[in-house]
Amino acid sequence: MTGRERVAKVLEGRRFQNFIIAVIVFNAVTLGMETSTSIMDGYSGLLHVLDHLALGIFVAELLAKFYAYRGSFFRDNWNVFDLLVVGIAVIPATGPFAVLRSLRVLRVLRLISVVPSMRKVVSGLLAAIPGMASIAALLALIIFVAGVMATKLFGTIDPGDFGDLGTSLFTLFQVMTGEAWPDIAKTIMEQAPLAWIFFVVYILVSSFAVLNLFIAVVVSGMEDELRQDIREEEAKQAEAQAAANQEILDELRALRAELAELRQRAA
């Protein structure tokens, strides 16, 4: 086994993965403690040392991956994700880059790339993006149509919420989230008693129907990701079984050759 293979085996080992998870969680705690003024007054130096220590571990891990995987490092999107997250933290957070100091907390997102179950969830969400984009376009179309209708129907009654198309679109987005829509509807219904029909139909279509479509697309993406994992696991088991069968056949051939040799000597 070469040096690169040994390093790769350590990187992919469960103990090392658990160690990295522990460092990420610990670093998240220290970053959260840095938001406390009272803690920073007494332990700012210690927290900064611990933060740099965690960053050093992450950089060492990436360098080890570069050594072990070479060019194949960039073929794994999660490795690229880790490189970007850690790279942002390495940039000096001084002068015009001072705003990047607040982005150090992005290191916590490395849990996504380290924990397999989180990777599966994110992969399922990414797989569902094309379907979600179509549903988002449908939702935008519904809100636009409803916005034009609401502006024409209620613009003179409540100019503050429906005076123009932009205001109506924002109000309808607020109504879709369920925020204070009864108050908006009551204001309109004081002069247009049947306005409740518009709001009820709009909420049913935009909130319930479209939301369920989003959920259906995400669940479908998760199922596809799960099927892919099952297929990969079955392929690995088949390869392992084929290797075991080949090993048994090789042993049988060796035994037959030894028996044949023994018979020749006996003869």
C-alpha atoms as a PDB file:
ATOM      1  CA  MET A   1       0.000   0.000   0.000  1.00  0.00           C
ATOM      2  CA  THR A   2       1.455   3.352  -1.066  1.00  0.00           C
ATOM      3  CA  GLY A   3       1.643   6.457   1.096  1.00  0.00           C
ATOM      4  CA  ARG A   4      -1.265   8.096  -0.726  1.00  0.00           C
ATOM      5  CA  GLU A   5      -3.411   5.022  -0.250  1.00  0.00           C
ATOM      6  CA  ARG A   6      -2.664   4.976   3.484  1.00  0.00           C
ATOM      7  CA  VAL A   7      -3.546   8.676   3.802  1.00  0.00           C
ATOM      8  CA  ALA A   8      -6.757   8.139   1.848  1.00  0.00           C
ATOM      9  CA  LYS A   9      -7.669   5.200   4.083  1.00  0.00           C
ATOM     10  CA  VAL A  10      -7.202   7.376   7.181  1.00  0.00           C
ATOM     11  CA  LEU A  11      -9.230  10.228   5.675  1.00  0.00           C
ATOM     12  CA  GLU A  12     -12.080   7.893   4.808  1.00  0.00           C
ATOM     13  CA  GLY A  13     -11.978   6.095   8.162  1.00  0.00           C
ATOM     14  CA  ARG A  14     -14.831   6.456  10.597  1.00  0.00           C
ATOM     15  CA  ARG A  15     -12.629   7.647  13.456  1.00  0.00           C
ATOM     16  CA  PHE A  16     -11.202  10.512  11.432  1.00  0.00           C
ATOM     17  CA  GLN A  17     -14.662  11.496  10.219  1.00  0.00           C
ATOM     18  CA  ASN A  18     -15.940  11.569  13.800  1.00  0.00           C
ATOM     19  CA  PHE A  19     -12.930  13.694  14.781  1.00  0.00           C
ATOM     20  CA  ILE A  20     -13.709  16.243  12.046  1.00  0.00           C
ATOM     21  CA  ILE A  21     -17.378  16.325  13.080  1.00  0.00           C
ATOM     22  CA  ALA A  22     -16.307  17.002  16.674  1.00  0.00           C
ATOM     23  CA  VAL A  23     -14.005  19.835  15.538  1.00  0.00           C
ATOM     24  CA  ILE A  24     -16.784  21.392  13.432  1.00  0.00           C
ATOM     25  CA  VAL A  25     -19.258  21.279  16.320  1.00  0.00           C
ATOM     26  CA  PHE A  26     -16.653  22.641  18.744  1.00  0.00           C
ATOM     27  CA  ASN A  27     -15.786  25.446  16.329  1.00  0.00           C
ATOM     28  CA  ALA A  28     -19.486  26.280  15.979  1.00  0.00           C
ATOM     29  CA  VAL A  29     -19.720  26.613  19.766  1.00  0.00           C
ATOM     30  CA  THR A  30     -16.693  28.911  19.931  1.00  0.00           C
ATOM     31  CA  LEU A  31     -18.022  31.076  17.084  1.00  0.00           C
ATOM     32  CA  GLY A  32     -21.329  31.364  18.914  1.00  0.00           C
ATOM     33  CA  MET A  33     -19.525  32.353  22.121  1.00  0.00           C
ATOM     34  CA  GLU A  34     -17.751  35.145  20.239  1.00  0.00           C
ATOM     35  CA  THR A  35     -21.115  36.865  19.789  1.00  0.00           C
ATOM     36  CA  SER A  36     -21.342  37.396  23.569  1.00  0.00           C
ATOM     37  CA  THR A  37     -19.775  40.648  24.741  1.00  0.00           C
ATOM     38  CA  SER A  38     -19.320  39.427  28.322  1.00  0.00           C
ATOM     39  CA  ILE A  39     -17.512  36.256  27.209  1.00  0.00           C
ATOM     40  CA  MET A  40     -15.319  38.148  24.746  1.00  0.00           C
ATOM     41  CA  ASP A  41     -14.262  40.599  27.479  1.00  0.00           C
ATOM     42  CA  GLY A  42     -12.744  37.766  29.476  1.00  0.00           C
ATOM     43  CA  TYR A  43     -11.807  35.065  26.967  1.00  0.00           C
ATOM     44  CA  SER A  44     -11.344  36.751  23.586  1.00  0.00           C
ATOM     45  CA  GLY A  45      -7.716  35.623  23.305  1.00  0.00           C
ATOM     46  CA  LEU A  46      -8.519  32.002  24.097  1.00  0.00           C
ATOM     47  CA  LEU A  47     -11.458  31.932  21.680  1.00  0.00           C
ATOM     48  CA  HIS A  48      -9.330  33.342  18.859  1.00  0.00           C
ATOM     49  CA  VAL A  49      -6.643  30.705  19.518  1.00  0.00           C
ATOM     50  CA  LEU A  50      -9.244  27.918  19.452  1.00  0.00           C
ATOM     51  CA  ASP A  51     -10.720  29.351  16.255  1.00  0.00           C
ATOM     52  CA  HIS A  52      -7.332  29.392  14.536  1.00  0.00           C
ATOM     53  CA  LEU A  53      -6.633  25.870  15.805  1.00  0.00           C
ATOM     54  CA  ALA A  54      -9.870  24.587  14.229  1.00  0.00           C
ATOM     55  CA  LEU A  55      -9.061  26.411  11.000  1.00  0.00           C
ATOM     56  CA  GLY A  56      -5.595  24.847  10.986  1.00  0.00           C
ATOM     57  CA  ILE A  57      -7.122  21.373  11.323  1.00  0.00           C
ATOM     58  CA  PHE A  58      -9.456  22.051   8.383  1.00  0.00           C
ATOM     59  CA  VAL A  59      -6.585  23.321   6.225  1.00  0.00           C
ATOM     60  CA  ALA A  60      -4.458  20.279   7.145  1.00  0.00           C
ATOM     61  CA  GLU A  61      -7.360  18.006   6.195  1.00  0.00           C
ATOM     62  CA  LEU A  62      -7.684  19.663   2.786  1.00  0.00           C
ATOM     63  CA  LEU A  63      -3.933  19.416   2.166  1.00  0.00           C
ATOM     64  CA  ALA A  64      -4.074  15.716   3.060  1.00  0.00           C
ATOM     65  CA  LYS A  65      -6.932  15.242   0.595  1.00  0.00           C
ATOM     66  CA  PHE A  66      -4.937  17.032  -2.113  1.00  0.00           C
ATOM     67  CA  TYR A  67      -2.022  14.679  -1.448  1.00  0.00           C
ATOM     68  CA  ALA A  68      -4.184  11.546  -1.386  1.00  0.00           C
ATOM     69  CA  TYR A  69      -6.541  12.249  -4.289  1.00  0.00           C
ATOM     70  CA  ARG A  70      -4.531  14.614  -6.519  1.00  0.00           C
ATOM     71  CA  GLY A  71      -6.602  15.652  -9.557  1.00  0.00           C
ATOM     72  CA  SER A  72      -9.567  13.519  -8.529  1.00  0.00           C
ATOM     73  CA  PHE A  73     -10.029  15.881  -5.558  1.00  0.00           C
ATOM     74  CA  PHE A  74     -12.019  18.275  -7.750  1.00  0.00           C
ATOM     75  CA  ARG A  75     -14.233  15.523  -9.152  1.00  0.00           C
ATOM     76  CA  ASP A  76     -16.044  15.354  -5.835  1.00  0.00           C
ATOM     77  CA  ASN A  77     -18.339  18.372  -5.502  1.00  0.00           C
ATOM     78  CA  TRP A  78     -18.281  18.077  -1.703  1.00  0.00           C
ATOM     79  CA  ASN A  79     -14.491  18.539  -1.716  1.00  0.00           C
ATOM     80  CA  VAL A  80     -14.932  21.712  -3.759  1.00  0.00           C
ATOM     81  CA  PHE A  81     -17.591  22.861  -1.289  1.00  0.00           C
ATOM     82  CA  ASP A  82     -15.202  22.290   1.634  1.00  0.00           C
ATOM     83  CA  LEU A  83     -12.433  24.147  -0.217  1.00  0.00           C
ATOM     84  CA  LEU A  84     -14.652  27.200  -0.765  1.00  0.00           C
ATOM     85  CA  VAL A  85     -15.899  27.269   2.832  1.00  0.00           C
ATOM     86  CA  VAL A  86     -12.416  26.944   4.326  1.00  0.00           C
ATOM     87  CA  GLY A  87     -10.913  29.257   1.706  1.00  0.00           C
ATOM     88  CA  ILE A  88     -13.240  32.082   2.752  1.00  0.00           C
ATOM     89  CA  ALA A  89     -12.023  31.687   6.336  1.00  0.00           C
ATOM     90  CA  VAL A  90      -8.358  31.807   5.270  1.00  0.00           C
ATOM     91  CA  ILE A  91      -8.729  35.203   3.547  1.00  0.00           C
ATOM     92  CA  PRO A  92      -7.416  37.921   5.916  1.00  0.00           C
ATOM     93  CA  ALA A  93     -10.457  39.606   7.513  1.00  0.00           C
ATOM     94  CA  THR A  94      -8.942  43.082   7.623  1.00  0.00           C
ATOM     95  CA  GLY A  95      -9.486  46.287   5.698  1.00  0.00           C
ATOM     96  CA  PRO A  96     -11.978  45.885   2.844  1.00  0.00           C
ATOM     97  CA  PHE A  97     -12.284  42.175   3.665  1.00  0.00           C
ATOM     98  CA  ALA A  98     -13.444  42.772   7.248  1.00  0.00           C
ATOM     99  CA  VAL A  99     -16.975  41.729   6.273  1.00  0.00           C
ATOM    100  CA  LEU A 100     -15.637  38.228   5.544  1.00  0.00           C
ATOM    101  CA  ARG A 101     -14.985  37.770   9.255  1.00  0.00           C
ATOM    102  CA  SER A 102     -18.697  37.161   9.786  1.00  0.00           C
ATOM    103  CA  LEU A 103     -18.590  34.449   7.106  1.00  0.00           C
ATOM    104  CA  ARG A 104     -16.366  32.237   9.269  1.00  0.00           C
ATOM    105  CA  VAL A 105     -19.546  30.652  10.583  1.00  0.00           C
ATOM    106  CA  LEU A 106     -19.941  29.050   7.143  1.00  0.00           C
ATOM    107  CA  ARG A 107     -17.442  26.463   8.378  1.00  0.00           C
ATOM    108  CA  VAL A 108     -20.323  24.929  10.330  1.00  0.00           C
ATOM    109  CA  LEU A 109     -21.870  24.008   6.972  1.00  0.00           C
ATOM    110  CA  ARG A 110     -19.078  21.471   6.567  1.00  0.00           C
ATOM    111  CA  LEU A 111     -21.271  19.163   8.618  1.00  0.00           C
ATOM    112  CA  ILE A 112     -23.293  18.738   5.421  1.00  0.00           C
ATOM    113  CA  SER A 113     -20.316  17.325   3.547  1.00  0.00           C
ATOM    114  CA  VAL A 114     -19.075  15.194   6.457  1.00  0.00           C
ATOM    115  CA  VAL A 115     -22.331  13.607   7.641  1.00  0.00           C
ATOM    116  CA  PRO A 116     -23.614  11.137   4.982  1.00  0.00           C
ATOM    117  CA  SER A 117     -27.287  11.529   5.940  1.00  0.00           C
ATOM    118  CA  MET A 118     -27.059  15.309   5.457  1.00  0.00           C
ATOM    119  CA  ARG A 119     -25.381  14.822   2.091  1.00  0.00           C
ATOM    120  CA  LYS A 120     -28.270  12.639   0.975  1.00  0.00           C
ATOM    121  CA  VAL A 121     -30.823  15.272   2.015  1.00  0.00           C
ATOM    122  CA  VAL A 122     -28.983  18.052   0.184  1.00  0.00           C
ATOM    123  CA  SER A 123     -28.469  15.849  -2.877  1.00  0.00           C
ATOM    124  CA  GLY A 124     -32.205  15.136  -2.918  1.00  0.00           C
ATOM    125  CA  LEU A 125     -32.974  18.850  -2.722  1.00  0.00           C
ATOM    126  CA  LEU A 126     -30.550  19.619  -5.550  1.00  0.00           C
ATOM    127  CA  ALA A 127     -32.097  16.866  -7.656  1.00  0.00           C
ATOM    128  CA  ALA A 128     -35.514  18.457  -7.090  1.00  0.00           C
ATOM    129  CA  ILE A 129     -34.419  21.938  -8.242  1.00  0.00           C
ATOM    130  CA  PRO A 130     -35.587  21.564 -11.882  1.00  0.00           C
ATOM    131  CA  GLY A 131     -39.085  20.573 -10.760  1.00  0.00           C
ATOM    132  CA  MET A 132     -39.087  23.255  -8.071  1.00  0.00           C
ATOM    133  CA  ALA A 133     -38.155  25.878 -10.657  1.00  0.00           C
ATOM    134  CA  SER A 134     -41.214  24.979 -12.726  1.00  0.00           C
ATOM    135  CA  ILE A 135     -43.453  25.196  -9.654  1.00  0.00           C
ATOM    136  CA  ALA A 136     -41.863  28.524  -8.674  1.00  0.00           C
ATOM    137  CA  ALA A 137     -42.633  29.862 -12.154  1.00  0.00           C
ATOM    138  CA  LEU A 138     -46.236  28.660 -11.768  1.00  0.00           C
ATOM    139  CA  LEU A 139     -46.478  30.368  -8.378  1.00  0.00           C
ATOM    140  CA  ALA A 140     -45.076  33.610  -9.806  1.00  0.00           C
ATOM    141  CA  LEU A 141     -47.675  33.469 -12.581  1.00  0.00           C
ATOM    142  CA  ILE A 142     -50.485  32.945 -10.056  1.00  0.00           C
ATOM    143  CA  ILE A 143     -49.286  35.846  -7.907  1.00  0.00           C
ATOM    144  CA  PHE A 144     -48.980  38.116 -10.958  1.00  0.00           C
ATOM    145  CA  VAL A 145     -52.506  37.338 -12.163  1.00  0.00           C
ATOM    146  CA  ALA A 146     -53.877  37.786  -8.655  1.00  0.00           C
ATOM    147  CA  GLY A 147     -51.916  41.033  -8.294  1.00  0.00           C
ATOM    148  CA  VAL A 148     -53.415  42.529 -11.436  1.00  0.00           C
ATOM    149  CA  MET A 149     -56.902  41.491 -10.340  1.00  0.00           C
ATOM    150  CA  ALA A 150     -56.425  42.811  -6.797  1.00  0.00           C
ATOM    151  CA  THR A 151     -55.094  46.150  -8.052  1.00  0.00           C
ATOM    152  CA  LYS A 152     -58.125  46.655 -10.283  1.00  0.00           C
ATOM    153  CA  LEU A 153     -60.633  45.410  -7.683  1.00  0.00           C
ATOM    154  CA  PHE A 154     -59.262  46.880  -4.458  1.00  0.00           C
ATOM    155  CA  GLY A 155     -56.904  49.679  -5.522  1.00  0.00           C
ATOM    156  CA  THR A 156     -59.387  52.436  -4.750  1.00  0.00           C
ATOM    157  CA  ILE A 157     -60.604  50.796  -1.532  1.00  0.00           C
ATOM    158  CA  ASP A 158     -57.176  50.214   0.056  1.00  0.00           C
ATOM    159  CA  PRO A 159     -54.460  52.162  -1.809  1.00  0.00           C
ATOM    160  CA  GLY A 160     -51.939  51.370   0.920  1.00  0.00           C
ATOM    161  CA  ASP A 161     -52.049  47.626   0.154  1.00  0.00           C
ATOM    162  CA  PHE A 162     -53.298  47.499  -3.443  1.00  0.00           C
ATOM    163  CA  GLY A 163     -52.623  50.975  -4.877  1.00  0.00           C
ATOM    164  CA  ASP A 164     -50.345  49.736  -7.668  1.00  0.00           C
ATOM    165  CA  LEU A 165     -49.100  46.407  -9.044  1.00  0.00           C
ATOM    166  CA  GLY A 166     -45.851  46.343  -7.043  1.00  0.00           C
ATOM    167  CA  THR A 167     -47.663  47.032  -3.774  1.00  0.00           C
ATOM    168  CA  SER A 168     -50.305  44.428  -4.598  1.00  0.00           C
ATOM    169  CA  LEU A 169     -47.663  41.794  -5.353  1.00  0.00           C
ATOM    170  CA  PHE A 170     -45.953  42.415  -2.016  1.00  0.00           C
ATOM    171  CA  THR A 171     -49.284  42.331  -0.158  1.00  0.00           C
ATOM    172  CA  LEU A 172     -50.311  39.104  -1.858  1.00  0.00           C
ATOM    173  CA  PHE A 173     -46.969  37.510  -0.991  1.00  0.00           C
ATOM    174  CA  GLN A 174     -47.630  38.497   2.616  1.00  0.00           C
ATOM    175  CA  VAL A 175     -51.136  37.027   2.385  1.00  0.00           C
ATOM    176  CA  MET A 176     -49.682  33.805   0.945  1.00  0.00           C
ATOM    177  CA  THR A 177     -47.499  33.385   4.026  1.00  0.00           C
ATOM    178  CA  GLY A 178     -50.575  33.792   6.244  1.00  0.00           C
ATOM    179  CA  GLU A 179     -49.241  36.970   7.873  1.00  0.00           C
ATOM    180  CA  ALA A 180     -52.028  39.391   8.958  1.00  0.00           C
ATOM    181  CA  TRP A 181     -54.225  38.516   5.993  1.00  0.00           C
ATOM    182  CA  PRO A 182     -57.475  38.646   8.052  1.00  0.00           C
ATOM    183  CA  ASP A 183     -56.787  42.313   8.848  1.00  0.00           C
ATOM    184  CA  ILE A 184     -56.180  43.092   5.174  1.00  0.00           C
ATOM    185  CA  ALA A 185     -59.302  41.203   4.141  1.00  0.00           C
ATOM    186  CA  LYS A 186     -61.489  42.909   6.770  1.00  0.00           C
ATOM    187  CA  THR A 187     -60.369  46.345   5.579  1.00  0.00           C
ATOM    188  CA  ILE A 188     -61.429  45.458   2.037  1.00  0.00           C
ATOM    189  CA  MET A 189     -64.660  43.738   3.097  1.00  0.00           C
ATOM    190  CA  GLU A 190     -65.927  46.879   4.825  1.00  0.00           C
ATOM    191  CA  GLN A 191     -66.681  48.213   1.333  1.00  0.00           C
ATOM    192  CA  ALA A 192     -66.661  44.964  -0.699  1.00  0.00           C
ATOM    193  CA  PRO A 193     -68.335  42.228   1.394  1.00  0.00           C
ATOM    194  CA  LEU A 194     -67.669  39.526  -1.200  1.00  0.00           C
ATOM    195  CA  ALA A 195     -63.921  40.185  -1.240  1.00  0.00           C
ATOM    196  CA  TRP A 196     -63.429  37.142   1.027  1.00  0.00           C
ATOM    197  CA  ILE A 197     -64.023  34.935  -2.008  1.00  0.00           C
ATOM    198  CA  PHE A 198     -60.918  36.344  -3.702  1.00  0.00           C
ATOM    199  CA  PHE A 199     -58.720  35.924  -0.626  1.00  0.00           C
ATOM    200  CA  VAL A 200     -59.920  32.396   0.215  1.00  0.00           C
ATOM    201  CA  VAL A 201     -59.449  31.142  -3.358  1.00  0.00           C
ATOM    202  CA  TYR A 202     -56.041  32.828  -3.609  1.00  0.00           C
ATOM    203  CA  ILE A 203     -54.825  31.311  -0.340  1.00  0.00           C
ATOM    204  CA  LEU A 204     -56.097  27.841  -1.263  1.00  0.00           C
ATOM    205  CA  VAL A 205     -54.331  27.944  -4.621  1.00  0.00           C
ATOM    206  CA  SER A 206     -51.089  29.682  -3.669  1.00  0.00           C
ATOM    207  CA  SER A 207     -50.479  28.325  -0.175  1.00  0.00           C
ATOM    208  CA  PHE A 208     -52.003  24.864  -0.037  1.00  0.00           C
ATOM    209  CA  ALA A 209     -51.967  23.583  -3.620  1.00  0.00           C
ATOM    210  CA  VAL A 210     -48.588  24.988  -4.662  1.00  0.00           C
ATOM    211  CA  LEU A 211     -46.981  24.160  -1.310  1.00  0.00           C
ATOM    212  CA  ASN A 212     -48.069  20.545  -1.662  1.00  0.00           C
ATOM    213  CA  LEU A 213     -46.555  20.512  -5.143  1.00  0.00           C
ATOM    214  CA  PHE A 214     -43.246  21.703  -3.688  1.00  0.00           C
ATOM    215  CA  ILE A 215     -43.371  18.953  -1.071  1.00  0.00           C
ATOM    216  CA  ALA A 216     -44.200  16.331  -3.710  1.00  0.00           C
ATOM    217  CA  VAL A 217     -41.244  17.371  -5.881  1.00  0.00           C
ATOM    218  CA  VAL A 218     -38.831  17.342  -2.934  1.00  0.00           C
ATOM    219  CA  VAL A 219     -40.055  13.914  -1.778  1.00  0.00           C
ATOM    220  CA  SER A 220     -39.670  12.602  -5.318  1.00  0.00           C
ATOM    221  CA  GLY A 221     -36.099  13.894  -5.409  1.00  0.00           C
ATOM    222  CA  MET A 222     -35.379  12.222  -2.072  1.00  0.00           C
ATOM    223  CA  GLU A 223     -36.803   8.938  -3.342  1.00  0.00           C
ATOM    224  CA  ASP A 224     -34.643   9.102  -6.475  1.00  0.00           C
ATOM    225  CA  GLU A 225     -31.573   9.738  -4.338  1.00  0.00           C
ATOM    226  CA  LEU A 226     -32.481   6.799  -2.089  1.00  0.00           C
ATOM    227  CA  ARG A 227     -32.930   4.512  -5.100  1.00  0.00           C
ATOM    228  CA  GLN A 228     -29.537   5.603  -6.409  1.00  0.00           C
ATOM    229  CA  ASP A 229     -27.934   4.787  -3.056  1.00  0.00           C
ATOM    230  CA  ILE A 230     -29.622   1.368  -3.049  1.00  0.00           C
ATOM    231  CA  ARG A 231     -28.383   0.656  -6.573  1.00  0.00           C
ATOM    232  CA  GLU A 232     -24.844   1.663  -5.632  1.00  0.00           C
ATOM    233  CA  GLU A 233     -24.959  -0.502  -2.517  1.00  0.00           C
ATOM    234  CA  GLU A 234     -26.240  -3.467  -4.524  1.00  0.00           C
ATOM    235  CA  ALA A 235     -23.476  -2.936  -7.088  1.00  0.00           C
ATOM    236  CA  LYS A 236     -20.846  -2.909  -4.315  1.00  0.00           C
ATOM    237  CA  GLN A 237     -22.281  -6.097  -2.814  1.00  0.00           C
ATOM    238  CA  ALA A 238     -22.299  -7.742  -6.232  1.00  0.00           C
ATOM    239  CA  GLU A 239     -18.649  -6.767  -6.783  1.00  0.00           C
ATOM    240  CA  ALA A 240     -17.718  -8.072  -3.335  1.00  0.00           C
ATOM    241  CA  GLN A 241     -19.550 -11.340  -4.006  1.00  0.00           C
ATOM    242  CA  ALA A 242     -17.887 -11.707  -7.410  1.00  0.00           C
ATOM    243  CA  ALA A 243     -14.468 -11.119  -5.825  1.00  0.00           C
ATOM    244  CA  ALA A 244     -15.219 -13.733  -3.143  1.00  0.00           C
ATOM    245  CA  ASN A 245     -16.368 -16.228  -5.769  1.00  0.00           C
ATOM    246  CA  GLN A 246     -13.249 -15.599  -7.833  1.00  0.00           C
ATOM    247  CA  GLU A 247     -11.083 -16.151  -4.768  1.00  0.00           C
ATOM    248  CA  ILE A 248     -12.818 -19.485  -4.097  1.00  0.00           C
ATOM    249  CA  LEU A 249     -12.324 -20.535  -7.727  1.00  0.00           C
ATOM    250  CA  ASP A 250      -8.629 -19.630  -7.558  1.00  0.00           C
ATOM    251  CA  GLU A 251      -8.243 -21.724  -4.420  1.00  0.00           C
ATOM    252  CA  LEU A 252     -10.003 -24.679  -6.082  1.00  0.00           C
ATOM    253  CA  ARG A 253      -7.724 -24.422  -9.107  1.00  0.00           C
ATOM    254  CA  ALA A 254      -4.681 -24.356  -6.831  1.00  0.00           C
ATOM    255  CA  LEU A 255      -5.940 -27.443  -4.963  1.00  0.00           C
ATOM    256  CA  ARG A 256      -6.564 -29.288  -8.226  1.00  0.00           C
ATOM    257  CA  ALA A 257      -3.081 -28.423  -9.424  1.00  0.00           C
ATOM    258  CA  GLU A 258      -1.570 -29.721  -6.172  1.00  0.00           C
ATOM    259  CA  LEU A 259      -3.618 -32.947  -6.400  1.00  0.00           C
ATOM    260  CA  ALA A 260      -2.531 -33.446  -9.963  1.00  0.00           C
ATOM    261  CA  GLU A 261       1.086 -32.909  -8.961  1.00  0.00           C
ATOM    262  CA  LEU A 262       0.760 -35.394  -6.084  1.00  0.00           C
ATOM    263  CA  ARG A 263      -0.728 -38.011  -8.426  1.00  0.00           C
ATOM    264  CA  GLN A 264       2.122 -37.592 -10.881  1.00  0.00           C
ATOM    265  CA  ARG A 265       4.643 -38.096  -8.099  1.00  0.00           C
ATOM    266  CA  ALA A 266       2.790 -41.172  -6.810  1.00  0.00           C
ATOM    267  CA  ALA A 267       2.749 -42.647 -10.281  1.00  0.00           C
END
